Amino acid sequence: MLLLFAAGIAQALEFKSVGAAPAVLYDAPSAKGRKVFIAPRGMPVEVVLTYGEWTKVRDAAGDLAWVDSRLLSTRRNVIVSAANARVREAASDASAIAFTADKGVLLELVEPAAGGWVKVRHRDGQGGFVRASEVWGE
């Protein structure tokens, strides 16, 4: 029993992003459920579970909802969770600042976290490394 519990804790979080079009999030795994939110294109979500063609997701605020699985993309994005996050040219605090990103800005995840840093790219083409603790969705 303890081994099963430990295996569940060790499981990595799975993140996806809303696909090319905004997605309606529901309170139940059905289009007949109550619409609770329209998620914008590219919004990262944590996958909690999948039930048939529906996926239960958690957003950056911690809210849970259901979405049609076909509306999710494996392309990964993150949301800046810190005020005025510094995106650096290399994965080091000593590296020059490439640009700053305000809280709530959507960034494409280029490379997952390594050594506490995430490689990201802004939609205008600027890229660099941001501390993993300053973004959500990685």
Protein backbone atom coordinates (compact mmCIF):
# COMPACT_ATOMS: atom_id res chain seq x y z
CA MET A 1 0.00 0.00 0.00
CA LEU A 2 2.77 2.44 0.96
CA LEU A 3 4.61 1.60 -2.25
CA LEU A 4 1.57 2.52 -4.36
CA PHE A 5 1.24 5.82 -2.50
CA ALA A 6 4.92 6.64 -3.04
CA ALA A 7 4.65 5.81 -6.75
CA GLY A 8 1.76 8.28 -7.09
CA ILE A 9 3.80 11.05 -5.48
CA ALA A 10 6.79 10.40 -7.74
CA GLN A 11 4.68 10.73 -10.90
CA ALA A 12 5.64 13.81 -12.92
CA LEU A 13 3.11 16.52 -13.58
CA GLU A 14 1.74 16.64 -17.11
CA PHE A 15 1.12 19.98 -18.78
CA LYS A 16 -0.51 20.81 -22.09
CA SER A 17 -1.72 24.03 -23.69
CA VAL A 18 -5.01 25.10 -25.20
CA GLY A 19 -4.71 24.62 -28.97
CA ALA A 20 -5.07 27.01 -31.89
CA ALA A 21 -8.54 28.21 -30.85
CA PRO A 22 -9.96 29.22 -27.46
CA ALA A 23 -11.54 26.35 -25.52
CA VAL A 24 -14.66 26.28 -23.36
CA LEU A 25 -14.04 24.81 -19.91
CA TYR A 26 -16.94 23.03 -18.19
CA ASP A 27 -17.82 21.94 -14.66
CA ALA A 28 -18.42 18.36 -15.84
CA PRO A 29 -17.02 16.07 -18.58
CA SER A 30 -19.81 16.93 -21.03
CA ALA A 31 -20.80 19.76 -23.37
CA LYS A 32 -24.08 19.74 -21.42
CA GLY A 33 -22.19 20.84 -18.30
CA ARG A 34 -22.12 24.44 -17.08
CA LYS A 35 -19.62 26.60 -18.97
CA VAL A 36 -17.22 28.05 -16.42
CA PHE A 37 -14.50 29.73 -18.49
CA ILE A 38 -13.24 30.33 -22.00
CA ALA A 39 -9.53 29.53 -22.02
CA PRO A 40 -7.51 31.60 -24.50
CA ARG A 41 -5.38 30.05 -27.21
CA GLY A 42 -2.05 28.83 -25.82
CA MET A 43 -3.04 28.88 -22.14
CA PRO A 44 -1.07 26.23 -20.21
CA VAL A 45 -3.02 23.74 -18.10
CA GLU A 46 -2.02 20.89 -15.82
CA VAL A 47 -3.65 17.58 -16.76
CA VAL A 48 -5.30 16.08 -13.67
CA LEU A 49 -7.02 13.11 -15.34
CA THR A 50 -8.54 11.95 -18.59
CA TYR A 51 -12.04 10.48 -18.81
CA GLY A 52 -12.96 9.29 -22.30
CA GLU A 53 -12.71 12.28 -24.64
CA TRP A 54 -12.54 14.75 -21.75
CA THR A 55 -9.61 16.00 -19.69
CA LYS A 56 -9.82 17.49 -16.20
CA VAL A 57 -7.36 20.37 -15.99
CA ARG A 58 -6.01 22.82 -13.41
CA ASP A 59 -5.14 26.37 -14.40
CA ALA A 60 -2.48 28.69 -12.97
CA ALA A 61 -4.96 29.95 -10.35
CA GLY A 62 -5.57 26.37 -9.16
CA ASP A 63 -9.12 26.17 -10.53
CA LEU A 64 -10.30 22.81 -11.89
CA ALA A 65 -12.46 22.33 -14.99
CA TRP A 66 -13.13 19.91 -17.84
CA VAL A 67 -12.17 20.42 -21.49
CA ASP A 68 -12.65 18.39 -24.66
CA SER A 69 -9.27 16.63 -25.02
CA ARG A 70 -9.13 17.39 -28.76
CA LEU A 71 -8.81 21.12 -27.93
CA LEU A 72 -5.51 20.61 -26.08
CA SER A 73 -2.08 20.70 -27.67
CA THR A 74 1.15 19.03 -26.61
CA ARG A 75 2.95 22.26 -27.56
CA ARG A 76 4.01 23.71 -24.24
CA ASN A 77 3.64 27.25 -22.96
CA VAL A 78 4.23 28.80 -19.56
CA ILE A 79 2.77 31.86 -17.84
CA VAL A 80 4.99 34.31 -16.00
CA SER A 81 3.97 34.10 -12.33
CA ALA A 82 6.44 36.65 -10.93
CA ALA A 83 6.27 40.41 -11.25
CA ASN A 84 8.81 41.59 -13.81
CA ALA A 85 10.58 38.28 -14.50
CA ARG A 86 14.07 38.67 -15.96
CA VAL A 87 14.71 36.52 -19.01
CA ARG A 88 18.46 36.11 -19.37
CA GLU A 89 20.70 35.25 -22.32
CA ALA A 90 22.07 32.19 -20.47
CA ALA A 91 20.95 30.09 -17.51
CA SER A 92 22.75 32.17 -14.91
CA ASP A 93 21.97 35.16 -12.70
CA ALA A 94 25.26 36.66 -13.91
CA SER A 95 24.12 36.55 -17.55
CA ALA A 96 22.86 39.66 -19.33
CA ILE A 97 19.11 40.31 -19.32
CA ALA A 98 17.60 39.59 -22.75
CA PHE A 99 14.20 41.06 -21.80
CA THR A 100 11.77 41.32 -18.90
CA ALA A 101 8.28 39.83 -18.85
CA ASP A 102 5.38 41.05 -16.74
CA LYS A 103 3.23 38.74 -14.65
CA GLY A 104 0.68 36.94 -16.84
CA VAL A 105 2.74 37.03 -20.06
CA LEU A 106 2.57 33.83 -22.12
CA LEU A 107 5.92 32.34 -23.20
CA GLU A 108 6.63 29.29 -25.32
CA LEU A 109 8.54 26.57 -23.46
CA VAL A 110 11.57 25.75 -25.61
CA GLU A 111 13.36 23.46 -23.13
CA PRO A 112 12.08 22.13 -19.79
CA ALA A 113 13.69 23.04 -16.48
CA ALA A 114 17.32 22.16 -15.97
CA GLY A 115 19.24 23.44 -12.99
CA GLY A 116 16.36 25.69 -11.98
CA TRP A 117 16.14 27.47 -15.37
CA VAL A 118 13.65 27.16 -18.25
CA LYS A 119 14.44 28.12 -21.84
CA VAL A 120 11.57 30.22 -23.25
CA ARG A 121 10.63 32.29 -26.29
CA HIS A 122 8.27 35.26 -26.53
CA ARG A 123 5.92 35.43 -29.52
CA ASP A 124 7.92 38.37 -30.90
CA GLY A 125 10.91 36.03 -31.26
CA GLN A 126 12.97 37.08 -28.23
CA GLY A 127 14.24 34.15 -26.22
CA GLY A 128 16.31 33.26 -23.24
CA PHE A 129 16.29 31.61 -19.83
CA VAL A 130 14.00 32.37 -16.90
CA ARG A 131 14.04 30.90 -13.40
CA ALA A 132 11.60 27.98 -13.20
CA SER A 133 10.21 29.48 -10.00
CA GLU A 134 9.06 32.57 -11.95
CA VAL A 135 6.78 30.73 -14.41
CA TRP A 136 3.86 28.29 -14.16
CA GLY A 137 3.21 25.38 -16.50
CA GLU A 138 6.57 23.71 -16.85
